[in-house]
Amino acid sequence: MYYFCLYLFKMDIAVNNLTDLPEVAKQLLAFAGEEKIFIFDGDMGAGKTTFIKVFCSIMGIEDVVSSPTYSIVNEYGSANDLVYHFDFYRIKNIQEAYDLGYEEYFYGGGICLIEWPERVAELLPDRYVKVAITVVDENRRLFRFSKAEN
């Protein structure tokens, strides 16, 4: 099955160390505008969860943000929205996302931060912000933000 995706806008940011991440998170928030669905693409160890922790902090979340690898989804409260952090790495089949009630999360108006989105590609909403993280070397990453419409 093929999915057509049109990337409408994009932005690239080079990151040299972890202290750069809060500024990158602020730029992502500004770039996203009103969009509430974020997918995070990158190899294992690229820093997706690390960046999501910083991004949540920038959004005003005071809860401890951790990877939902085993629970699949964690919920955090911010002053303005509920934030749902997904990690679909361990799902065995798409039925697990259905059983989780993905529609309520993806279409419920909250902010969704989705790691390993390729495992649920057919369920993703039509519009989202993609955050691709590429490892340049041990300390450097390239972040690419793009707005997509299927």
Protein backbone atom coordinates (compact mmCIF):
# COMPACT_ATOMS: atom_id res chain seq x y z
CA MET A 1 0.00 0.00 0.00
CA TYR A 2 1.33 3.44 -0.91
CA TYR A 3 0.61 6.66 0.95
CA PHE A 4 0.79 9.99 -0.79
CA CYS A 5 1.97 12.78 1.45
CA LEU A 6 2.49 16.38 0.45
CA TYR A 7 4.98 18.32 2.57
CA LEU A 8 3.87 21.94 2.49
CA PHE A 9 6.59 23.69 4.50
CA LYS A 10 9.86 22.64 5.99
CA MET A 11 12.65 23.95 8.20
CA ASP A 12 16.08 22.48 8.99
CA ILE A 13 17.98 23.12 12.23
CA ALA A 14 21.44 21.81 13.16
CA VAL A 15 21.93 20.99 16.84
CA ASN A 16 25.40 20.75 18.31
CA ASN A 17 24.56 19.77 21.89
CA LEU A 18 21.71 19.22 24.33
CA THR A 19 21.73 22.84 25.49
CA ASP A 20 20.41 23.79 22.02
CA LEU A 21 17.22 21.75 22.43
CA PRO A 22 15.06 24.34 24.26
CA GLU A 23 15.56 26.80 21.39
CA VAL A 24 14.75 24.06 18.86
CA ALA A 25 11.59 23.21 20.83
CA LYS A 26 10.51 26.87 20.78
CA GLN A 27 11.08 26.96 17.02
CA LEU A 28 9.01 23.81 16.58
CA LEU A 29 6.16 25.29 18.59
CA ALA A 30 6.23 28.44 16.46
CA PHE A 31 6.53 26.41 13.24
CA ALA A 32 3.55 24.20 14.16
CA GLY A 33 1.11 27.05 14.62
CA GLU A 34 -2.29 25.49 15.30
CA GLU A 35 -1.27 21.93 14.41
CA LYS A 36 -1.63 19.44 17.25
CA ILE A 37 -0.36 16.18 15.80
CA PHE A 38 3.41 15.68 15.79
CA ILE A 39 5.18 12.62 14.47
CA PHE A 40 8.81 11.97 15.37
CA ASP A 41 11.00 10.08 12.95
CA GLY A 42 14.53 8.93 13.66
CA ASP A 43 16.63 5.88 14.29
CA MET A 44 16.77 4.21 17.68
CA GLY A 45 18.89 6.46 19.90
CA ALA A 46 18.50 9.56 17.71
CA GLY A 47 17.02 11.52 20.61
CA LYS A 48 13.28 11.49 19.96
CA THR A 49 12.27 10.99 23.60
CA THR A 50 14.94 13.38 24.84
CA PHE A 51 13.62 16.07 22.51
CA ILE A 52 10.00 15.34 23.46
CA LYS A 53 10.90 15.89 27.14
CA VAL A 54 12.29 19.33 26.28
CA PHE A 55 9.35 20.11 23.98
CA CYS A 56 6.90 19.24 26.77
CA SER A 57 8.80 21.50 29.16
CA ILE A 58 8.54 24.38 26.67
CA MET A 59 4.78 23.74 26.49
CA GLY A 60 4.58 24.18 30.25
CA ILE A 61 4.23 20.56 31.29
CA GLU A 62 5.56 20.05 34.78
CA ASP A 63 4.91 16.29 34.96
CA VAL A 64 7.79 13.85 34.63
CA VAL A 65 7.93 13.02 30.93
CA SER A 66 9.13 9.50 30.16
CA SER A 67 9.02 7.08 27.29
CA PRO A 68 5.73 5.20 27.03
CA THR A 69 7.49 2.21 25.45
CA TYR A 70 5.59 -0.36 27.49
CA SER A 71 2.38 1.55 28.20
CA ILE A 72 2.18 2.83 24.56
CA VAL A 73 0.72 6.19 25.67
CA ASN A 74 1.41 8.63 28.52
CA GLU A 75 -0.88 11.56 29.28
CA TYR A 76 0.37 14.93 30.52
CA GLY A 77 -1.55 18.04 31.43
CA SER A 78 -0.53 21.53 30.41
CA ALA A 79 -2.23 24.84 31.11
CA ASN A 80 -3.90 24.81 27.68
CA ASP A 81 -4.16 21.21 26.46
CA LEU A 82 -3.88 17.57 27.26
CA VAL A 83 -0.76 16.08 25.72
CA TYR A 84 -0.55 12.44 24.68
CA HIS A 85 2.87 10.89 24.13
CA PHE A 86 2.81 7.68 22.10
CA ASP A 87 5.54 5.15 21.48
CA PHE A 88 4.37 2.56 18.97
CA TYR A 89 7.71 0.73 18.81
CA ARG A 90 6.46 -2.38 20.61
CA ILE A 91 3.05 -2.83 19.03
CA LYS A 92 2.79 -6.17 17.28
CA ASN A 93 -0.06 -5.27 14.91
CA ILE A 94 -2.36 -2.41 14.01
CA GLN A 95 -5.18 -3.93 16.07
CA GLU A 96 -3.35 -2.84 19.23
CA ALA A 97 -3.76 0.79 18.16
CA TYR A 98 -7.47 0.19 17.56
CA ASP A 99 -7.77 -1.46 20.99
CA LEU A 100 -6.05 1.56 22.54
CA GLY A 101 -8.77 3.78 21.09
CA TYR A 102 -6.43 5.82 18.92
CA GLU A 103 -9.33 7.84 17.42
CA GLU A 104 -10.12 9.47 20.75
CA TYR A 105 -6.52 10.61 21.04
CA PHE A 106 -5.75 11.54 17.43
CA TYR A 107 -9.08 13.31 16.82
CA GLY A 108 -9.97 14.45 20.35
CA GLY A 109 -8.38 17.90 20.17
CA GLY A 110 -5.38 17.25 22.41
CA ILE A 111 -1.74 17.42 21.37
CA CYS A 112 -0.34 14.09 20.17
CA LEU A 113 3.39 13.36 20.14
CA ILE A 114 3.93 10.12 18.23
CA GLU A 115 7.14 8.08 18.19
CA TRP A 116 7.50 5.27 15.62
CA PRO A 117 4.59 6.59 13.52
CA GLU A 118 5.41 4.26 10.63
CA ARG A 119 3.89 1.42 12.66
CA VAL A 120 0.48 3.15 12.52
CA ALA A 121 0.90 5.06 9.26
CA GLU A 122 -2.54 4.15 7.93
CA LEU A 123 -4.18 5.59 11.07
CA LEU A 124 -2.45 8.97 11.12
CA PRO A 125 -4.61 12.06 10.60
CA ASP A 126 -4.38 13.88 7.28
CA ARG A 127 -2.49 16.81 8.74
CA TYR A 128 0.51 16.70 11.06
CA VAL A 129 3.92 18.12 11.76
CA LYS A 130 6.79 15.75 11.09
CA VAL A 131 9.97 16.08 13.13
CA ALA A 132 12.78 14.09 11.54
CA ILE A 133 15.92 13.71 13.64
CA THR A 134 19.08 12.60 11.86
CA VAL A 135 22.23 11.64 13.75
CA VAL A 136 25.22 13.49 12.31
CA ASP A 137 27.67 12.25 14.95
CA GLU A 138 27.72 11.49 18.67
CA ASN A 139 26.84 15.07 19.69
CA ARG A 140 25.21 16.58 16.61
CA ARG A 141 21.74 16.12 15.19
CA LEU A 142 19.87 17.59 12.26
CA PHE A 143 16.21 18.42 12.92
CA ARG A 144 13.86 18.80 9.97
CA PHE A 145 10.36 20.11 10.59
CA SER A 146 7.74 19.73 7.90
CA LYS A 147 4.00 20.17 7.71
CA ALA A 148 2.32 17.33 5.92
CA GLU A 149 -1.05 16.79 4.38
CA ASN A 150 -2.09 13.36 3.12
